[in-house]
Every structure is written in C-alpha cells, then in structure tokens.
C-alpha cells in the first residue's frame, strides 16, 4: 500500500459487518480500480468505532466523501488494517488450495493457528466466501484454522454469533 495515496473515512460505524458493507458500497460507488485496497481499522478510546481506509485515493475522492458527510483524513489510522477489498478478493470463493489463494490474490502469506510455518501449497482452504487478511509488517497475511475433514478455513467467520446471543 502506498501511504501517500491512503485516506481514512470515519462514518461513525461501530460494527465490523456494517463497516464491511459500507466499504464495499463506497468502493463500488467510487469506481475504484482493481488494484484498490479497502481496510477496516478498530479505533479504541472514548469513542470506539470502526474506520475505513482506501487506497489509491485522490484528493477528489476525499472531497467527494467529505461532501457526503463522512469525516475524511489523509493517511491510514494504523498499519494493521483488516482487508475487505484487495486485488483478487472476488476470486476467493468456494474451495481453493493455499497455492491458488496466494496466486489469485494480493495475500502474500498464510499462517495456521497453532502450527509452525506455512501450510503445504496443495492444502485445501474452504473460503466460506469470506476471506479477511490483515496487514502485518507490510504484508497481507491470512490466518487460517483447521476444520473438519482436514481442510483449513479462514479464522474470521462470515456470520459470527453475537456474544450472549442465547441469553
């Protein structure tokens, strides 16, 4: 990601799912190029929320979003964004191998919870059509976990059960 072409958009969103939806909606409306990145970032403190970062973004993009009522600032809020929009994201559906996952997308590294090193290139990954890698030390890294049947799945589930949902 080129930090000089990054903007942060604060829409006052408090939940990741809503932030994902807004990010994809904004990207579609802005007609961002295929090599665009859109990330979510958790902001803690007095006003916890989820902000968005977009790149590449021009001054015109920032002005357009500000005119729509969003708080827009230059730069990314941090270096560890959770990527929702990235090159190849739309190609990561169904079941793919680790090698296909890396070849089809901007994901540069894959790790498995509790396992040393990367999984073998032919290891099957059931994407659940929800692949959210994170920036770590300048690399887009996807964390996977073992699942039933000897496959791997992304650590982040598409429809998490809210805390205390059964109360």
C-alpha atoms as a PDB file:
ATOM      1  CA  UNK A   1       0.000   0.000   0.000  1.00  0.00           C
ATOM      2  CA  UNK A   2       1.334   3.428  -0.880  1.00  0.00           C
ATOM      3  CA  UNK A   3       0.758   5.533   2.262  1.00  0.00           C
ATOM      4  CA  UNK A   4       0.721   8.790   0.281  1.00  0.00           C
ATOM      5  CA  UNK A   5      -2.447   7.717  -1.509  1.00  0.00           C
ATOM      6  CA  UNK A   6      -4.395   6.467   1.511  1.00  0.00           C
ATOM      7  CA  UNK A   7      -7.384   8.151   3.103  1.00  0.00           C
ATOM      8  CA  UNK A   8      -9.251   7.281   6.270  1.00  0.00           C
ATOM      9  CA  UNK A   9     -13.026   7.525   6.293  1.00  0.00           C
ATOM     10  CA  UNK A  10     -14.833   7.786   9.614  1.00  0.00           C
ATOM     11  CA  UNK A  11     -18.546   7.169   9.293  1.00  0.00           C
ATOM     12  CA  UNK A  12     -19.128   6.516  12.996  1.00  0.00           C
ATOM     13  CA  UNK A  13     -19.694   2.787  12.361  1.00  0.00           C
ATOM     14  CA  UNK A  14     -19.422   0.567  15.435  1.00  0.00           C
ATOM     15  CA  UNK A  15     -19.634  -2.967  13.970  1.00  0.00           C
ATOM     16  CA  UNK A  16     -17.357  -4.806  11.549  1.00  0.00           C
ATOM     17  CA  UNK A  17     -20.195  -6.185   9.401  1.00  0.00           C
ATOM     18  CA  UNK A  18     -21.636  -2.700   8.910  1.00  0.00           C
ATOM     19  CA  UNK A  19     -18.145  -1.351   8.138  1.00  0.00           C
ATOM     20  CA  UNK A  20     -17.572  -4.139   5.566  1.00  0.00           C
ATOM     21  CA  UNK A  21     -20.871  -3.336   3.895  1.00  0.00           C
ATOM     22  CA  UNK A  22     -20.181   0.404   3.821  1.00  0.00           C
ATOM     23  CA  UNK A  23     -16.665  -0.121   2.488  1.00  0.00           C
ATOM     24  CA  UNK A  24     -17.867  -2.275  -0.399  1.00  0.00           C
ATOM     25  CA  UNK A  25     -20.713   0.154  -1.124  1.00  0.00           C
ATOM     26  CA  UNK A  26     -18.360   3.155  -1.189  1.00  0.00           C
ATOM     27  CA  UNK A  27     -15.815   1.341  -3.358  1.00  0.00           C
ATOM     28  CA  UNK A  28     -18.493   0.410  -5.890  1.00  0.00           C
ATOM     29  CA  UNK A  29     -19.824   3.959  -5.968  1.00  0.00           C
ATOM     30  CA  UNK A  30     -16.353   5.444  -6.389  1.00  0.00           C
ATOM     31  CA  UNK A  31     -15.403   3.078  -9.201  1.00  0.00           C
ATOM     32  CA  UNK A  32     -12.056   2.229  -7.603  1.00  0.00           C
ATOM     33  CA  UNK A  33      -9.516   0.373  -9.778  1.00  0.00           C
ATOM     34  CA  UNK A  34      -8.993  -3.398  -9.490  1.00  0.00           C
ATOM     35  CA  UNK A  35      -5.756  -2.869  -7.563  1.00  0.00           C
ATOM     36  CA  UNK A  36      -7.504  -0.892  -4.818  1.00  0.00           C
ATOM     37  CA  UNK A  37      -7.330  -1.793  -1.152  1.00  0.00           C
ATOM     38  CA  UNK A  38     -10.059  -1.120   1.397  1.00  0.00           C
ATOM     39  CA  UNK A  39      -9.492  -1.944   5.042  1.00  0.00           C
ATOM     40  CA  UNK A  40     -11.249  -1.681   8.361  1.00  0.00           C
ATOM     41  CA  UNK A  41      -9.457  -0.435  11.468  1.00  0.00           C
ATOM     42  CA  UNK A  42     -10.630  -0.658  15.076  1.00  0.00           C
ATOM     43  CA  UNK A  43     -10.428   2.624  16.978  1.00  0.00           C
ATOM     44  CA  UNK A  44     -10.463   2.407  20.741  1.00  0.00           C
ATOM     45  CA  UNK A  45     -10.709   5.121  23.356  1.00  0.00           C
ATOM     46  CA  UNK A  46     -13.523   7.490  24.279  1.00  0.00           C
ATOM     47  CA  UNK A  47     -15.427   6.777  21.065  1.00  0.00           C
ATOM     48  CA  UNK A  48     -14.859   3.145  19.959  1.00  0.00           C
ATOM     49  CA  UNK A  49     -15.667   2.602  16.302  1.00  0.00           C
ATOM     50  CA  UNK A  50     -14.511   1.072  13.035  1.00  0.00           C
ATOM     51  CA  UNK A  51     -12.955   3.393  10.458  1.00  0.00           C
ATOM     52  CA  UNK A  52     -12.157   2.612   6.835  1.00  0.00           C
ATOM     53  CA  UNK A  53      -9.038   3.192   4.784  1.00  0.00           C
ATOM     54  CA  UNK A  54      -8.969   3.327   0.992  1.00  0.00           C
ATOM     55  CA  UNK A  55      -6.072   3.320  -1.454  1.00  0.00           C
ATOM     56  CA  UNK A  56      -5.436   4.512  -4.064  1.00  0.00           C
ATOM     57  CA  UNK A  57      -7.422   7.606  -3.246  1.00  0.00           C
ATOM     58  CA  UNK A  58      -7.128  11.016  -4.790  1.00  0.00           C
ATOM     59  CA  UNK A  59      -7.955  14.429  -3.386  1.00  0.00           C
ATOM     60  CA  UNK A  60     -11.124  14.297  -5.465  1.00  0.00           C
ATOM     61  CA  UNK A  61     -12.165  11.059  -3.774  1.00  0.00           C
ATOM     62  CA  UNK A  62     -11.584  12.589  -0.349  1.00  0.00           C
ATOM     63  CA  UNK A  63     -13.599  15.708  -1.245  1.00  0.00           C
ATOM     64  CA  UNK A  64     -16.455  13.600  -2.638  1.00  0.00           C
ATOM     65  CA  UNK A  65     -16.660  11.508   0.538  1.00  0.00           C
ATOM     66  CA  UNK A  66     -16.424  14.593   2.750  1.00  0.00           C
ATOM     67  CA  UNK A  67     -19.261  16.177   0.770  1.00  0.00           C
ATOM     68  CA  UNK A  68     -21.361  13.099   1.613  1.00  0.00           C
ATOM     69  CA  UNK A  69     -20.848  13.848   5.301  1.00  0.00           C
ATOM     70  CA  UNK A  70     -18.007  11.463   6.150  1.00  0.00           C
ATOM     71  CA  UNK A  71     -15.020  12.606   8.193  1.00  0.00           C
ATOM     72  CA  UNK A  72     -12.048  12.098   5.850  1.00  0.00           C
ATOM     73  CA  UNK A  73      -8.374  12.419   6.733  1.00  0.00           C
ATOM     74  CA  UNK A  74      -5.159  11.740   4.841  1.00  0.00           C
ATOM     75  CA  UNK A  75      -3.219   8.574   5.632  1.00  0.00           C
ATOM     76  CA  UNK A  76      -4.114   5.307   7.327  1.00  0.00           C
ATOM     77  CA  UNK A  77      -5.089   5.209  11.016  1.00  0.00           C
ATOM     78  CA  UNK A  78      -2.614   2.373  11.675  1.00  0.00           C
ATOM     79  CA  UNK A  79      -0.501  -0.231   9.866  1.00  0.00           C
ATOM     80  CA  UNK A  80      -2.624  -3.291  10.686  1.00  0.00           C
ATOM     81  CA  UNK A  81      -5.822  -2.890   8.713  1.00  0.00           C
ATOM     82  CA  UNK A  82      -8.153  -5.790   8.064  1.00  0.00           C
ATOM     83  CA  UNK A  83      -8.509  -6.053   4.274  1.00  0.00           C
ATOM     84  CA  UNK A  84     -12.024  -6.335   2.877  1.00  0.00           C
ATOM     85  CA  UNK A  85     -11.256  -5.038  -0.597  1.00  0.00           C
ATOM     86  CA  UNK A  86      -7.971  -6.125  -2.195  1.00  0.00           C
ATOM     87  CA  UNK A  87      -6.756  -7.417  -5.554  1.00  0.00           C
ATOM     88  CA  UNK A  88      -8.161 -10.903  -6.135  1.00  0.00           C
ATOM     89  CA  UNK A  89     -10.622 -10.900  -3.228  1.00  0.00           C
ATOM     90  CA  UNK A  90     -13.558 -11.725  -5.511  1.00  0.00           C
ATOM     91  CA  UNK A  91     -11.729 -14.819  -6.834  1.00  0.00           C
ATOM     92  CA  UNK A  92     -11.519 -16.419  -3.385  1.00  0.00           C
ATOM     93  CA  UNK A  93     -14.770 -18.345  -3.332  1.00  0.00           C
ATOM     94  CA  UNK A  94     -15.576 -21.958  -2.617  1.00  0.00           C
ATOM     95  CA  UNK A  95     -12.641 -24.279  -2.024  1.00  0.00           C
ATOM     96  CA  UNK A  96      -9.162 -23.332  -3.222  1.00  0.00           C
ATOM     97  CA  UNK A  97      -5.664 -24.536  -2.430  1.00  0.00           C
ATOM     98  CA  UNK A  98      -3.178 -22.437  -0.498  1.00  0.00           C
ATOM     99  CA  UNK A  99      -1.214 -22.003  -3.743  1.00  0.00           C
ATOM    100  CA  UNK A 100      -4.332 -20.818  -5.619  1.00  0.00           C
ATOM    101  CA  UNK A 101      -5.236 -18.459  -2.792  1.00  0.00           C
ATOM    102  CA  UNK A 102      -1.830 -16.778  -2.998  1.00  0.00           C
ATOM    103  CA  UNK A 103      -1.677 -16.796  -6.818  1.00  0.00           C
ATOM    104  CA  UNK A 104      -5.168 -15.305  -7.272  1.00  0.00           C
ATOM    105  CA  UNK A 105      -4.916 -12.531  -4.702  1.00  0.00           C
ATOM    106  CA  UNK A 106      -2.701  -9.947  -3.015  1.00  0.00           C
ATOM    107  CA  UNK A 107      -2.320 -12.214   0.029  1.00  0.00           C
ATOM    108  CA  UNK A 108       1.408 -12.723   0.457  1.00  0.00           C
ATOM    109  CA  UNK A 109       1.488 -15.106   3.403  1.00  0.00           C
ATOM    110  CA  UNK A 110      -0.744 -17.717   5.014  1.00  0.00           C
ATOM    111  CA  UNK A 111      -0.466 -18.900   8.624  1.00  0.00           C
ATOM    112  CA  UNK A 112      -2.366 -21.580  10.525  1.00  0.00           C
ATOM    113  CA  UNK A 113      -3.252 -21.083  14.189  1.00  0.00           C
ATOM    114  CA  UNK A 114      -1.075 -23.272  16.372  1.00  0.00           C
ATOM    115  CA  UNK A 115       1.076 -24.570  13.504  1.00  0.00           C
ATOM    116  CA  UNK A 116       4.643 -23.625  12.627  1.00  0.00           C
ATOM    117  CA  UNK A 117       5.385 -22.316   9.140  1.00  0.00           C
ATOM    118  CA  UNK A 118       3.036 -22.119   6.195  1.00  0.00           C
ATOM    119  CA  UNK A 119       0.689 -24.945   5.195  1.00  0.00           C
ATOM    120  CA  UNK A 120       1.566 -27.013   2.106  1.00  0.00           C
ATOM    121  CA  UNK A 121       0.641 -25.385  -1.242  1.00  0.00           C
ATOM    122  CA  UNK A 122      -1.856 -28.157  -2.078  1.00  0.00           C
ATOM    123  CA  UNK A 123      -3.731 -27.842   1.238  1.00  0.00           C
ATOM    124  CA  UNK A 124      -7.463 -27.208   0.660  1.00  0.00           C
ATOM    125  CA  UNK A 125      -8.983 -23.999   2.036  1.00  0.00           C
ATOM    126  CA  UNK A 126     -12.771 -23.661   2.295  1.00  0.00           C
ATOM    127  CA  UNK A 127     -13.167 -19.883   1.993  1.00  0.00           C
ATOM    128  CA  UNK A 128     -16.827 -19.626   3.033  1.00  0.00           C
ATOM    129  CA  UNK A 129     -16.701 -16.688   0.580  1.00  0.00           C
ATOM    130  CA  UNK A 130     -15.331 -14.535   3.421  1.00  0.00           C
ATOM    131  CA  UNK A 131     -11.561 -14.000   3.352  1.00  0.00           C
ATOM    132  CA  UNK A 132     -10.284 -11.133   5.522  1.00  0.00           C
ATOM    133  CA  UNK A 133      -6.468 -10.990   5.687  1.00  0.00           C
ATOM    134  CA  UNK A 134      -4.670  -8.393   7.787  1.00  0.00           C
ATOM    135  CA  UNK A 135      -1.656  -6.191   7.190  1.00  0.00           C
ATOM    136  CA  UNK A 136       1.318  -7.373   9.265  1.00  0.00           C
ATOM    137  CA  UNK A 137       4.763  -5.831   8.778  1.00  0.00           C
ATOM    138  CA  UNK A 138       3.833  -4.621   5.292  1.00  0.00           C
ATOM    139  CA  UNK A 139       2.472  -7.997   4.142  1.00  0.00           C
ATOM    140  CA  UNK A 140      -1.118  -9.084   3.657  1.00  0.00           C
ATOM    141  CA  UNK A 141      -1.411 -12.170   5.882  1.00  0.00           C
ATOM    142  CA  UNK A 142      -4.338 -14.581   6.101  1.00  0.00           C
ATOM    143  CA  UNK A 143      -4.822 -16.548   9.314  1.00  0.00           C
ATOM    144  CA  UNK A 144      -6.457 -19.949   8.859  1.00  0.00           C
ATOM    145  CA  UNK A 145      -7.535 -22.668  11.271  1.00  0.00           C
ATOM    146  CA  UNK A 146      -8.058 -26.413  10.902  1.00  0.00           C
ATOM    147  CA  UNK A 147     -11.594 -27.623  10.242  1.00  0.00           C
ATOM    148  CA  UNK A 148     -13.447 -30.918   9.999  1.00  0.00           C
ATOM    149  CA  UNK A 149     -12.360 -33.061   7.057  1.00  0.00           C
ATOM    150  CA  UNK A 150      -8.718 -31.994   7.087  1.00  0.00           C
ATOM    151  CA  UNK A 151      -9.346 -28.652   5.393  1.00  0.00           C
ATOM    152  CA  UNK A 152      -8.481 -25.152   6.528  1.00  0.00           C
ATOM    153  CA  UNK A 153     -10.897 -22.239   6.905  1.00  0.00           C
ATOM    154  CA  UNK A 154     -10.320 -18.529   7.499  1.00  0.00           C
ATOM    155  CA  UNK A 155     -10.119 -17.697  11.198  1.00  0.00           C
ATOM    156  CA  UNK A 156     -12.780 -14.990  10.833  1.00  0.00           C
ATOM    157  CA  UNK A 157     -16.240 -16.450  10.306  1.00  0.00           C
ATOM    158  CA  UNK A 158     -18.688 -14.698   7.968  1.00  0.00           C
ATOM    159  CA  UNK A 159     -21.623 -14.610  10.403  1.00  0.00           C
ATOM    160  CA  UNK A 160     -20.313 -14.588  13.972  1.00  0.00           C
ATOM    161  CA  UNK A 161     -22.701 -15.326  16.793  1.00  0.00           C
ATOM    162  CA  UNK A 162     -23.034 -12.206  18.941  1.00  0.00           C
ATOM    163  CA  UNK A 163     -21.802 -12.561  22.492  1.00  0.00           C
ATOM    164  CA  UNK A 164     -24.528 -13.813  24.815  1.00  0.00           C
ATOM    165  CA  UNK A 165     -26.901 -14.468  21.899  1.00  0.00           C
ATOM    166  CA  UNK A 166     -28.613 -17.256  23.810  1.00  0.00           C
ATOM    167  CA  UNK A 167     -29.478 -15.112  26.854  1.00  0.00           C
END
